[in-house]
PDB file of all heavy atoms in Angstrom:
ATOM      1  N   THR A   1      -4.876   7.603  -1.067  1.00  0.00           N
ATOM      2  CA  THR A   1      -5.464   6.269  -0.990  1.00  0.00           C
ATOM      3  C   THR A   1      -6.285   6.187   0.376  1.00  0.00           C
ATOM      4  O   THR A   1      -6.290   7.131   1.158  1.00  0.00           O
ATOM      5  CB  THR A   1      -4.426   5.170  -0.905  1.00  0.00           C
ATOM      6  OG1 THR A   1      -3.530   5.371   0.152  1.00  0.00           O
ATOM      7  CG2 THR A   1      -3.603   5.254  -2.211  1.00  0.00           C
ATOM      8  N   LEU A   2      -6.873   5.148   0.676  1.00  0.00           N
ATOM      9  CA  LEU A   2      -7.588   4.891   1.912  1.00  0.00           C
ATOM     10  C   LEU A   2      -6.551   4.937   3.073  1.00  0.00           C
ATOM     11  O   LEU A   2      -5.446   4.300   2.936  1.00  0.00           O
ATOM     12  CB  LEU A   2      -8.324   3.575   1.903  1.00  0.00           C
ATOM     13  CG  LEU A   2      -9.433   3.416   0.922  1.00  0.00           C
ATOM     14  CD1 LEU A   2     -10.052   2.028   0.938  1.00  0.00           C
ATOM     15  CD2 LEU A   2     -10.536   4.461   1.252  1.00  0.00           C
ATOM     16  N   ALA A   3      -6.947   5.474   4.219  1.00  0.00           N
ATOM     17  CA  ALA A   3      -6.184   5.389   5.461  1.00  0.00           C
ATOM     18  C   ALA A   3      -6.895   4.448   6.263  1.00  0.00           C
ATOM     19  O   ALA A   3      -7.988   4.000   6.081  1.00  0.00           O
ATOM     20  CB  ALA A   3      -6.167   6.766   6.067  1.00  0.00           C
ATOM     21  N   PRO A   4      -6.157   3.906   7.332  1.00  0.00           N
ATOM     22  CA  PRO A   4      -6.707   2.905   8.271  1.00  0.00           C
ATOM     23  C   PRO A   4      -8.087   3.375   8.804  1.00  0.00           C
ATOM     24  O   PRO A   4      -8.983   2.467   8.948  1.00  0.00           O
ATOM     25  CB  PRO A   4      -5.686   2.788   9.322  1.00  0.00           C
ATOM     26  CG  PRO A   4      -4.362   3.089   8.676  1.00  0.00           C
ATOM     27  CD  PRO A   4      -4.744   4.212   7.681  1.00  0.00           C
ATOM     28  N   GLN A   5      -8.293   4.648   9.085  1.00  0.00           N
ATOM     29  CA  GLN A   5      -9.599   5.075   9.712  1.00  0.00           C
ATOM     30  C   GLN A   5     -10.749   5.025   8.567  1.00  0.00           C
ATOM     31  O   GLN A   5     -11.947   5.125   9.027  1.00  0.00           O
ATOM     32  CB  GLN A   5      -9.442   6.442  10.299  1.00  0.00           C
ATOM     33  CG  GLN A   5      -9.122   7.558   9.296  1.00  0.00           C
ATOM     34  CD  GLN A   5      -7.698   7.863   9.121  1.00  0.00           C
ATOM     35  OE1 GLN A   5      -6.799   6.953   9.500  1.00  0.00           O
ATOM     36  NE2 GLN A   5      -7.244   8.959   8.618  1.00  0.00           N
ATOM     37  N   ASP A   6     -10.410   4.792   7.319  1.00  0.00           N
ATOM     38  CA  ASP A   6     -11.481   4.621   6.332  1.00  0.00           C
ATOM     39  C   ASP A   6     -11.984   3.243   6.256  1.00  0.00           C
ATOM     40  O   ASP A   6     -13.023   3.015   5.597  1.00  0.00           O
ATOM     41  CB  ASP A   6     -10.853   4.988   4.935  1.00  0.00           C
ATOM     42  CG  ASP A   6     -10.470   6.454   4.872  1.00  0.00           C
ATOM     43  OD1 ASP A   6     -11.156   7.373   5.450  1.00  0.00           O
ATOM     44  OD2 ASP A   6      -9.411   6.723   4.169  1.00  0.00           O
ATOM     45  N   TRP A   7     -11.407   2.296   6.927  1.00  0.00           N
ATOM     46  CA  TRP A   7     -11.840   0.872   6.952  1.00  0.00           C
ATOM     47  C   TRP A   7     -12.798   0.661   8.071  1.00  0.00           C
ATOM     48  O   TRP A   7     -12.777   1.268   9.057  1.00  0.00           O
ATOM     49  CB  TRP A   7     -10.546   0.013   7.089  1.00  0.00           C
ATOM     50  CG  TRP A   7      -9.666   0.021   5.876  1.00  0.00           C
ATOM     51  CD1 TRP A   7      -8.832   1.063   5.636  1.00  0.00           C
ATOM     52  CD2 TRP A   7      -9.556  -0.950   4.895  1.00  0.00           C
ATOM     53  NE1 TRP A   7      -8.104   0.699   4.463  1.00  0.00           N
ATOM     54  CE2 TRP A   7      -8.513  -0.482   4.037  1.00  0.00           C
ATOM     55  CE3 TRP A   7     -10.136  -2.165   4.676  1.00  0.00           C
ATOM     56  CZ2 TRP A   7      -8.200  -1.280   2.926  1.00  0.00           C
ATOM     57  CZ3 TRP A   7      -9.752  -2.870   3.649  1.00  0.00           C
ATOM     58  CH2 TRP A   7      -8.740  -2.450   2.699  1.00  0.00           C
ATOM     59  N   PRO A   8     -13.583  -0.409   7.948  1.00  0.00           N
ATOM     60  CA  PRO A   8     -14.511  -0.800   9.021  1.00  0.00           C
ATOM     61  C   PRO A   8     -13.662  -1.155  10.212  1.00  0.00           C
ATOM     62  O   PRO A   8     -12.532  -1.698  10.063  1.00  0.00           O
ATOM     63  CB  PRO A   8     -15.198  -2.058   8.489  1.00  0.00           C
ATOM     64  CG  PRO A   8     -15.119  -1.947   7.025  1.00  0.00           C
ATOM     65  CD  PRO A   8     -13.794  -1.199   6.742  1.00  0.00           C
ATOM     66  N   ALA A   9     -14.128  -0.929  11.410  1.00  0.00           N
ATOM     67  CA  ALA A   9     -13.369  -1.113  12.680  1.00  0.00           C
ATOM     68  C   ALA A   9     -12.880  -2.629  12.746  1.00  0.00           C
ATOM     69  O   ALA A   9     -11.747  -2.883  13.315  1.00  0.00           O
ATOM     70  CB  ALA A   9     -14.245  -0.818  13.866  1.00  0.00           C
ATOM     71  N   ASP A  10     -13.685  -3.579  12.271  1.00  0.00           N
ATOM     72  CA  ASP A  10     -13.239  -4.964  12.410  1.00  0.00           C
ATOM     73  C   ASP A  10     -12.363  -5.446  11.222  1.00  0.00           C
ATOM     74  O   ASP A  10     -11.963  -6.586  11.269  1.00  0.00           O
ATOM     75  CB  ASP A  10     -14.450  -5.877  12.464  1.00  0.00           C
ATOM     76  CG  ASP A  10     -15.358  -5.815  11.356  1.00  0.00           C
ATOM     77  OD1 ASP A  10     -15.291  -4.823  10.497  1.00  0.00           O
ATOM     78  OD2 ASP A  10     -16.142  -6.708  11.104  1.00  0.00           O
ATOM     79  N   ALA A  11     -11.983  -4.532  10.366  1.00  0.00           N
ATOM     80  CA  ALA A  11     -11.156  -4.875   9.236  1.00  0.00           C
ATOM     81  C   ALA A  11     -10.055  -3.924   8.928  1.00  0.00           C
ATOM     82  O   ALA A  11      -9.476  -3.860   7.801  1.00  0.00           O
ATOM     83  CB  ALA A  11     -12.054  -5.024   7.927  1.00  0.00           C
ATOM     84  N   THR A  12      -9.614  -3.213   9.964  1.00  0.00           N
ATOM     85  CA  THR A  12      -8.543  -2.134   9.806  1.00  0.00           C
ATOM     86  C   THR A  12      -7.278  -2.879   9.546  1.00  0.00           C
ATOM     87  O   THR A  12      -6.832  -3.726  10.298  1.00  0.00           O
ATOM     88  CB  THR A  12      -8.448  -1.343  11.068  1.00  0.00           C
ATOM     89  OG1 THR A  12      -9.695  -0.615  11.284  1.00  0.00           O
ATOM     90  CG2 THR A  12      -7.369  -0.232  10.886  1.00  0.00           C
ATOM     91  N   PRO A  13      -6.540  -2.511   8.469  1.00  0.00           N
ATOM     92  CA  PRO A  13      -5.267  -3.067   8.186  1.00  0.00           C
ATOM     93  C   PRO A  13      -4.224  -2.650   9.023  1.00  0.00           C
ATOM     94  O   PRO A  13      -4.226  -1.593   9.631  1.00  0.00           O
ATOM     95  CB  PRO A  13      -5.004  -2.688   6.770  1.00  0.00           C
ATOM     96  CG  PRO A  13      -5.706  -1.331   6.566  1.00  0.00           C
ATOM     97  CD  PRO A  13      -6.911  -1.460   7.426  1.00  0.00           C
ATOM     98  N   GLU A  14      -3.198  -3.500   9.215  1.00  0.00           N
ATOM     99  CA  GLU A  14      -1.967  -3.111   9.965  1.00  0.00           C
ATOM    100  C   GLU A  14      -1.098  -2.354   8.972  1.00  0.00           C
ATOM    101  O   GLU A  14      -0.864  -2.736   7.863  1.00  0.00           O
ATOM    102  CB  GLU A  14      -1.284  -4.347  10.484  1.00  0.00           C
ATOM    103  CG  GLU A  14      -0.090  -3.987  11.270  1.00  0.00           C
ATOM    104  CD  GLU A  14       0.753  -5.301  11.671  1.00  0.00           C
ATOM    105  OE1 GLU A  14       0.035  -6.347  11.978  1.00  0.00           O
ATOM    106  OE2 GLU A  14       1.956  -5.239  11.844  1.00  0.00           O
ATOM    107  N   ILE A  15      -0.455  -1.312   9.424  1.00  0.00           N
ATOM    108  CA  ILE A  15       0.398  -0.450   8.537  1.00  0.00           C
ATOM    109  C   ILE A  15       1.814  -1.077   8.643  1.00  0.00           C
ATOM    110  O   ILE A  15       2.440  -1.210   9.715  1.00  0.00           O
ATOM    111  CB  ILE A  15       0.437   1.015   8.969  1.00  0.00           C
ATOM    112  CG1 ILE A  15      -0.911   1.488   8.897  1.00  0.00           C
ATOM    113  CG2 ILE A  15       1.500   1.805   8.125  1.00  0.00           C
ATOM    114  CD1 ILE A  15      -1.132   2.897   8.481  1.00  0.00           C
ATOM    115  N   GLY A  16       2.307  -1.521   7.428  1.00  0.00           N
ATOM    116  CA  GLY A  16       3.681  -2.100   7.420  1.00  0.00           C
ATOM    117  C   GLY A  16       4.665  -1.078   7.091  1.00  0.00           C
ATOM    118  O   GLY A  16       5.822  -1.203   7.510  1.00  0.00           O
ATOM    119  N   ALA A  17       4.272  -0.100   6.330  1.00  0.00           N
ATOM    120  CA  ALA A  17       5.181   1.010   5.947  1.00  0.00           C
ATOM    121  C   ALA A  17       4.344   2.196   5.578  1.00  0.00           C
ATOM    122  O   ALA A  17       3.246   2.071   5.019  1.00  0.00           O
ATOM    123  CB  ALA A  17       6.119   0.611   4.922  1.00  0.00           C
ATOM    124  N   GLU A  18       4.873   3.400   5.737  1.00  0.00           N
ATOM    125  CA  GLU A  18       4.207   4.604   5.214  1.00  0.00           C
ATOM    126  C   GLU A  18       5.110   5.181   4.222  1.00  0.00           C
ATOM    127  O   GLU A  18       6.218   5.312   4.342  1.00  0.00           O
ATOM    128  CB  GLU A  18       3.965   5.603   6.320  1.00  0.00           C
ATOM    129  CG  GLU A  18       2.911   5.157   7.353  1.00  0.00           C
ATOM    130  CD  GLU A  18       2.380   6.258   8.260  1.00  0.00           C
ATOM    131  OE1 GLU A  18       2.251   7.412   7.795  1.00  0.00           O
ATOM    132  OE2 GLU A  18       2.057   5.907   9.341  1.00  0.00           O
ATOM    133  N   THR A  19       4.476   5.498   2.972  1.00  0.00           N
ATOM    134  CA  THR A  19       5.186   6.030   1.822  1.00  0.00           C
ATOM    135  C   THR A  19       4.581   7.220   1.340  1.00  0.00           C
ATOM    136  O   THR A  19       3.392   7.479   1.628  1.00  0.00           O
ATOM    137  CB  THR A  19       5.280   4.885   0.773  1.00  0.00           C
ATOM    138  OG1 THR A  19       3.977   4.635   0.381  1.00  0.00           O
ATOM    139  CG2 THR A  19       5.961   3.682   1.271  1.00  0.00           C
ATOM    140  N   SER A  20       5.286   7.942   0.597  1.00  0.00           N
ATOM    141  CA  SER A  20       4.744   9.206  -0.004  1.00  0.00           C
ATOM    142  C   SER A  20       4.536   9.214  -1.510  1.00  0.00           C
ATOM    143  O   SER A  20       4.018  10.134  -2.047  1.00  0.00           O
ATOM    144  CB  SER A  20       5.547  10.426   0.404  1.00  0.00           C
ATOM    145  OG  SER A  20       6.855  10.242  -0.104  1.00  0.00           O
ATOM    146  N   ASN A  21       4.990   8.145  -2.187  1.00  0.00           N
ATOM    147  CA  ASN A  21       4.826   8.037  -3.598  1.00  0.00           C
ATOM    148  C   ASN A  21       4.839   6.547  -4.041  1.00  0.00           C
ATOM    149  O   ASN A  21       5.087   5.610  -3.210  1.00  0.00           O
ATOM    150  CB  ASN A  21       5.911   8.850  -4.290  1.00  0.00           C
ATOM    151  CG  ASN A  21       7.286   8.395  -4.080  1.00  0.00           C
ATOM    152  OD1 ASN A  21       7.582   7.194  -4.224  1.00  0.00           O
ATOM    153  ND2 ASN A  21       8.120   9.268  -3.626  1.00  0.00           N
ATOM    154  N   ALA A  22       4.491   6.340  -5.304  1.00  0.00           N
ATOM    155  CA  ALA A  22       4.323   4.937  -5.820  1.00  0.00           C
ATOM    156  C   ALA A  22       5.636   4.218  -5.721  1.00  0.00           C
ATOM    157  O   ALA A  22       5.673   3.004  -5.428  1.00  0.00           O
ATOM    158  CB  ALA A  22       3.835   4.946  -7.261  1.00  0.00           C
ATOM    159  N   GLU A  23       6.743   4.867  -6.052  1.00  0.00           N
ATOM    160  CA  GLU A  23       8.064   4.109  -6.062  1.00  0.00           C
ATOM    161  C   GLU A  23       8.326   3.644  -4.674  1.00  0.00           C
ATOM    162  O   GLU A  23       8.811   2.530  -4.392  1.00  0.00           O
ATOM    163  CB  GLU A  23       9.154   5.017  -6.579  1.00  0.00           C
ATOM    164  CG  GLU A  23       9.145   5.080  -8.153  1.00  0.00           C
ATOM    165  CD  GLU A  23      10.421   5.615  -8.689  1.00  0.00           C
ATOM    166  OE1 GLU A  23      11.400   5.695  -7.977  1.00  0.00           O
ATOM    167  OE2 GLU A  23      10.436   5.975  -9.858  1.00  0.00           O
ATOM    168  N   GLU A  24       8.220   4.549  -3.632  1.00  0.00           N
ATOM    169  CA  GLU A  24       8.453   4.058  -2.245  1.00  0.00           C
ATOM    170  C   GLU A  24       7.535   2.985  -1.875  1.00  0.00           C
ATOM    171  O   GLU A  24       7.939   2.037  -1.205  1.00  0.00           O
ATOM    172  CB  GLU A  24       8.265   5.265  -1.301  1.00  0.00           C
ATOM    173  CG  GLU A  24       9.398   6.322  -1.401  1.00  0.00           C
ATOM    174  CD  GLU A  24       9.069   7.482  -0.450  1.00  0.00           C
ATOM    175  OE1 GLU A  24       8.064   7.392   0.449  1.00  0.00           O
ATOM    176  OE2 GLU A  24       9.772   8.493  -0.498  1.00  0.00           O
ATOM    177  N   TYR A  25       6.304   2.986  -2.305  1.00  0.00           N
ATOM    178  CA  TYR A  25       5.283   1.960  -2.070  1.00  0.00           C
ATOM    179  C   TYR A  25       5.687   0.702  -2.537  1.00  0.00           C
ATOM    180  O   TYR A  25       5.761  -0.283  -1.914  1.00  0.00           O
ATOM    181  CB  TYR A  25       3.994   2.415  -2.720  1.00  0.00           C
ATOM    182  CG  TYR A  25       2.849   1.591  -2.601  1.00  0.00           C
ATOM    183  CD1 TYR A  25       1.861   1.684  -1.575  1.00  0.00           C
ATOM    184  CD2 TYR A  25       2.535   0.472  -3.505  1.00  0.00           C
ATOM    185  CE1 TYR A  25       0.752   0.859  -1.436  1.00  0.00           C
ATOM    186  CE2 TYR A  25       1.430  -0.253  -3.377  1.00  0.00           C
ATOM    187  CZ  TYR A  25       0.488  -0.070  -2.316  1.00  0.00           C
ATOM    188  OH  TYR A  25      -0.537  -0.877  -2.311  1.00  0.00           O
ATOM    189  N   LEU A  26       6.186   0.640  -3.837  1.00  0.00           N
ATOM    190  CA  LEU A  26       6.624  -0.559  -4.439  1.00  0.00           C
ATOM    191  C   LEU A  26       7.930  -1.134  -3.870  1.00  0.00           C
ATOM    192  O   LEU A  26       8.082  -2.295  -3.686  1.00  0.00           O
ATOM    193  CB  LEU A  26       6.840  -0.441  -5.985  1.00  0.00           C
ATOM    194  CG  LEU A  26       5.489  -0.059  -6.727  1.00  0.00           C
ATOM    195  CD1 LEU A  26       5.728   0.316  -8.067  1.00  0.00           C
ATOM    196  CD2 LEU A  26       4.540  -1.268  -6.584  1.00  0.00           C
ATOM    197  N   HIS A  27       8.849  -0.158  -3.433  1.00  0.00           N
ATOM    198  CA  HIS A  27      10.054  -0.692  -2.781  1.00  0.00           C
ATOM    199  C   HIS A  27       9.720  -1.285  -1.419  1.00  0.00           C
ATOM    200  O   HIS A  27      10.368  -2.291  -1.082  1.00  0.00           O
ATOM    201  CB  HIS A  27      11.049   0.559  -2.554  1.00  0.00           C
ATOM    202  CG  HIS A  27      11.711   0.966  -3.792  1.00  0.00           C
ATOM    203  ND1 HIS A  27      12.508   0.151  -4.510  1.00  0.00           N
ATOM    204  CD2 HIS A  27      11.738   2.206  -4.402  1.00  0.00           C
ATOM    205  CE1 HIS A  27      12.994   0.815  -5.571  1.00  0.00           C
ATOM    206  NE2 HIS A  27      12.530   2.051  -5.494  1.00  0.00           N
ATOM    207  N   ALA A  28       8.739  -0.756  -0.744  1.00  0.00           N
ATOM    208  CA  ALA A  28       8.301  -1.340   0.569  1.00  0.00           C
ATOM    209  C   ALA A  28       7.741  -2.786   0.332  1.00  0.00           C
ATOM    210  O   ALA A  28       7.993  -3.661   1.110  1.00  0.00           O
ATOM    211  CB  ALA A  28       7.315  -0.388   1.261  1.00  0.00           C
ATOM    212  N   VAL A  29       6.916  -2.922  -0.727  1.00  0.00           N
ATOM    213  CA  VAL A  29       6.370  -4.258  -1.087  1.00  0.00           C
ATOM    214  C   VAL A  29       7.557  -5.261  -1.316  1.00  0.00           C
ATOM    215  O   VAL A  29       7.556  -6.299  -0.821  1.00  0.00           O
ATOM    216  CB  VAL A  29       5.337  -4.195  -2.199  1.00  0.00           C
ATOM    217  CG1 VAL A  29       4.932  -5.484  -2.697  1.00  0.00           C
ATOM    218  CG2 VAL A  29       4.128  -3.367  -1.771  1.00  0.00           C
ATOM    219  N   ALA A  30       8.374  -4.767  -2.244  1.00  0.00           N
ATOM    220  CA  ALA A  30       9.513  -5.672  -2.547  1.00  0.00           C
ATOM    221  C   ALA A  30      10.380  -6.049  -1.370  1.00  0.00           C
ATOM    222  O   ALA A  30      10.971  -7.120  -1.348  1.00  0.00           O
ATOM    223  CB  ALA A  30      10.432  -4.958  -3.655  1.00  0.00           C
ATOM    224  N   ALA A  31      10.458  -5.126  -0.394  1.00  0.00           N
ATOM    225  CA  ALA A  31      11.264  -5.367   0.845  1.00  0.00           C
ATOM    226  C   ALA A  31      10.446  -6.131   1.843  1.00  0.00           C
ATOM    227  O   ALA A  31      10.883  -6.321   3.000  1.00  0.00           O
ATOM    228  CB  ALA A  31      11.707  -4.064   1.463  1.00  0.00           C
ATOM    229  N   ARG A  32       9.226  -6.600   1.518  1.00  0.00           N
ATOM    230  CA  ARG A  32       8.415  -7.506   2.357  1.00  0.00           C
ATOM    231  C   ARG A  32       7.973  -6.805   3.556  1.00  0.00           C
ATOM    232  O   ARG A  32       7.760  -7.283   4.649  1.00  0.00           O
ATOM    233  CB  ARG A  32       9.166  -8.804   2.743  1.00  0.00           C
ATOM    234  CG  ARG A  32       9.579  -9.644   1.608  1.00  0.00           C
ATOM    235  CD  ARG A  32      10.468 -10.773   1.920  1.00  0.00           C
ATOM    236  NE  ARG A  32      10.107 -11.274   3.277  1.00  0.00           N
ATOM    237  CZ  ARG A  32      10.056 -12.504   3.626  1.00  0.00           C
ATOM    238  NH1 ARG A  32      10.264 -13.433   2.731  1.00  0.00           N
ATOM    239  NH2 ARG A  32       9.772 -12.844   4.842  1.00  0.00           N
ATOM    240  N   ARG A  33       7.679  -5.393   3.474  1.00  0.00           N
ATOM    241  CA  ARG A  33       7.167  -4.639   4.564  1.00  0.00           C
ATOM    242  C   ARG A  33       5.692  -4.487   4.393  1.00  0.00           C
ATOM    243  O   ARG A  33       5.051  -3.729   5.252  1.00  0.00           O
ATOM    244  CB  ARG A  33       7.876  -3.311   4.661  1.00  0.00           C
ATOM    245  CG  ARG A  33       9.351  -3.468   4.973  1.00  0.00           C
ATOM    246  CD  ARG A  33      10.020  -2.198   5.312  1.00  0.00           C
ATOM    247  NE  ARG A  33       9.521  -1.127   4.289  1.00  0.00           N
ATOM    248  CZ  ARG A  33      10.231  -0.047   4.087  1.00  0.00           C
ATOM    249  NH1 ARG A  33      11.263   0.252   4.719  1.00  0.00           N
ATOM    250  NH2 ARG A  33       9.692   0.809   3.182  1.00  0.00           N
ATOM    251  N   GLY A  34       5.066  -5.048   3.462  1.00  0.00           N
ATOM    252  CA  GLY A  34       3.607  -4.923   3.231  1.00  0.00           C
ATOM    253  C   GLY A  34       3.174  -5.355   1.908  1.00  0.00           C
ATOM    254  O   GLY A  34       3.956  -5.799   1.079  1.00  0.00           O
ATOM    255  N   VAL A  35       1.874  -5.335   1.769  1.00  0.00           N
ATOM    256  CA  VAL A  35       1.248  -5.728   0.460  1.00  0.00           C
ATOM    257  C   VAL A  35       0.231  -4.568   0.201  1.00  0.00           C
ATOM    258  O   VAL A  35      -0.022  -3.729   1.020  1.00  0.00           O
ATOM    259  CB  VAL A  35       0.514  -7.044   0.521  1.00  0.00           C
ATOM    260  CG1 VAL A  35       1.503  -8.154   0.792  1.00  0.00           C
ATOM    261  CG2 VAL A  35      -0.638  -7.110   1.529  1.00  0.00           C
ATOM    262  N   GLY A  36      -0.286  -4.560  -0.987  1.00  0.00           N
ATOM    263  CA  GLY A  36      -1.281  -3.608  -1.301  1.00  0.00           C
ATOM    264  C   GLY A  36      -2.036  -3.781  -2.608  1.00  0.00           C
ATOM    265  O   GLY A  36      -1.825  -4.723  -3.337  1.00  0.00           O
ATOM    266  N   VAL A  37      -2.979  -2.886  -2.874  1.00  0.00           N
ATOM    267  CA  VAL A  37      -3.820  -2.924  -4.060  1.00  0.00           C
ATOM    268  C   VAL A  37      -3.545  -1.610  -4.792  1.00  0.00           C
ATOM    269  O   VAL A  37      -3.527  -0.547  -4.218  1.00  0.00           O
ATOM    270  CB  VAL A  37      -5.288  -3.047  -3.705  1.00  0.00           C
ATOM    271  CG1 VAL A  37      -6.184  -2.948  -4.957  1.00  0.00           C
ATOM    272  CG2 VAL A  37      -5.567  -4.280  -2.874  1.00  0.00           C
ATOM    273  N   LEU A  38      -3.276  -1.720  -6.091  1.00  0.00           N
ATOM    274  CA  LEU A  38      -3.007  -0.548  -6.809  1.00  0.00           C
ATOM    275  C   LEU A  38      -3.541  -0.706  -8.249  1.00  0.00           C
ATOM    276  O   LEU A  38      -3.882  -1.811  -8.732  1.00  0.00           O
ATOM    277  CB  LEU A  38      -1.497  -0.204  -6.863  1.00  0.00           C
ATOM    278  CG  LEU A  38      -0.469  -1.344  -6.857  1.00  0.00           C
ATOM    279  CD1 LEU A  38       0.124  -1.490  -8.152  1.00  0.00           C
ATOM    280  CD2 LEU A  38       0.575  -0.946  -5.877  1.00  0.00           C
ATOM    281  N   PRO A  39      -3.582   0.429  -9.018  1.00  0.00           N
ATOM    282  CA  PRO A  39      -4.085   0.264 -10.385  1.00  0.00           C
ATOM    283  C   PRO A  39      -3.243  -0.596 -11.290  1.00  0.00           C
ATOM    284  O   PRO A  39      -2.016  -0.670 -11.059  1.00  0.00           O
ATOM    285  CB  PRO A  39      -4.082   1.724 -10.882  1.00  0.00           C
ATOM    286  CG  PRO A  39      -4.058   2.581  -9.662  1.00  0.00           C
ATOM    287  CD  PRO A  39      -3.263   1.704  -8.701  1.00  0.00           C
ATOM    288  N   VAL A  40      -3.893  -1.151 -12.326  1.00  0.00           N
ATOM    289  CA  VAL A  40      -3.142  -1.978 -13.210  1.00  0.00           C
ATOM    290  C   VAL A  40      -2.062  -1.138 -13.964  1.00  0.00           C
ATOM    291  O   VAL A  40      -0.995  -1.649 -14.245  1.00  0.00           O
ATOM    292  CB  VAL A  40      -4.059  -2.595 -14.283  1.00  0.00           C
ATOM    293  CG1 VAL A  40      -3.471  -3.278 -15.422  1.00  0.00           C
ATOM    294  CG2 VAL A  40      -5.078  -3.580 -13.541  1.00  0.00           C
ATOM    295  N   SER A  41      -2.364   0.160 -14.122  1.00  0.00           N
ATOM    296  CA  SER A  41      -1.443   0.974 -14.880  1.00  0.00           C
ATOM    297  C   SER A  41      -0.123   1.104 -14.058  1.00  0.00           C
ATOM    298  O   SER A  41       0.977   1.186 -14.678  1.00  0.00           O
ATOM    299  CB  SER A  41      -2.005   2.412 -15.063  1.00  0.00           C
ATOM    300  OG  SER A  41      -2.352   2.962 -13.836  1.00  0.00           O
ATOM    301  N   VAL A  42      -0.165   1.151 -12.830  1.00  0.00           N
ATOM    302  CA  VAL A  42       1.067   1.213 -11.964  1.00  0.00           C
ATOM    303  C   VAL A  42       1.832  -0.092 -12.127  1.00  0.00           C
ATOM    304  O   VAL A  42       3.063  -0.003 -12.307  1.00  0.00           O
ATOM    305  CB  VAL A  42       0.739   1.428 -10.469  1.00  0.00           C
ATOM    306  CG1 VAL A  42       2.043   1.366  -9.591  1.00  0.00           C
ATOM    307  CG2 VAL A  42       0.079   2.792 -10.312  1.00  0.00           C
ATOM    308  N   ALA A  43       1.190  -1.169 -12.063  1.00  0.00           N
ATOM    309  CA  ALA A  43       1.886  -2.499 -12.310  1.00  0.00           C
ATOM    310  C   ALA A  43       2.619  -2.560 -13.699  1.00  0.00           C
ATOM    311  O   ALA A  43       3.632  -3.011 -13.805  1.00  0.00           O
ATOM    312  CB  ALA A  43       0.871  -3.613 -12.126  1.00  0.00           C
ATOM    313  N   ALA A  44       1.838  -2.063 -14.676  1.00  0.00           N
ATOM    314  CA  ALA A  44       2.434  -2.031 -16.038  1.00  0.00           C
ATOM    315  C   ALA A  44       3.629  -1.112 -16.224  1.00  0.00           C
ATOM    316  O   ALA A  44       4.571  -1.339 -16.956  1.00  0.00           O
ATOM    317  CB  ALA A  44       1.335  -1.642 -17.048  1.00  0.00           C
ATOM    318  N   GLN A  45       3.587  -0.014 -15.507  1.00  0.00           N
ATOM    319  CA  GLN A  45       4.654   0.988 -15.607  1.00  0.00           C
ATOM    320  C   GLN A  45       5.866   0.708 -14.740  1.00  0.00           C
ATOM    321  O   GLN A  45       6.948   1.252 -14.861  1.00  0.00           O
ATOM    322  CB  GLN A  45       4.156   2.367 -15.232  1.00  0.00           C
ATOM    323  CG  GLN A  45       3.211   2.890 -16.217  1.00  0.00           C
ATOM    324  CD  GLN A  45       2.589   4.239 -15.737  1.00  0.00           C
ATOM    325  OE1 GLN A  45       2.792   4.752 -14.654  1.00  0.00           O
ATOM    326  NE2 GLN A  45       1.670   4.783 -16.573  1.00  0.00           N
ATOM    327  N   HIS A  46       5.660  -0.212 -13.684  1.00  0.00           N
ATOM    328  CA  HIS A  46       6.743  -0.528 -12.702  1.00  0.00           C
ATOM    329  C   HIS A  46       6.976  -2.051 -12.632  1.00  0.00           C
ATOM    330  O   HIS A  46       6.770  -2.586 -11.527  1.00  0.00           O
ATOM    331  CB  HIS A  46       6.367   0.115 -11.362  1.00  0.00           C
ATOM    332  CG  HIS A  46       6.255   1.568 -11.333  1.00  0.00           C
ATOM    333  ND1 HIS A  46       7.353   2.396 -11.293  1.00  0.00           N
ATOM    334  CD2 HIS A  46       5.202   2.364 -11.453  1.00  0.00           C
ATOM    335  CE1 HIS A  46       6.938   3.670 -11.312  1.00  0.00           C
ATOM    336  NE2 HIS A  46       5.652   3.635 -11.402  1.00  0.00           N
TER     337      HIS A  46
END
């Protein structure tokens, strides 16, 4: 996915959590450590 350095300097997101797979990513969102954008297929499968 995009890393913070891929964003414009005035719109760099703050990193709430670093994860290595979709399940960790979703657990971090559920734990209120961040938000994100992901494919509809991931939402449907999880």
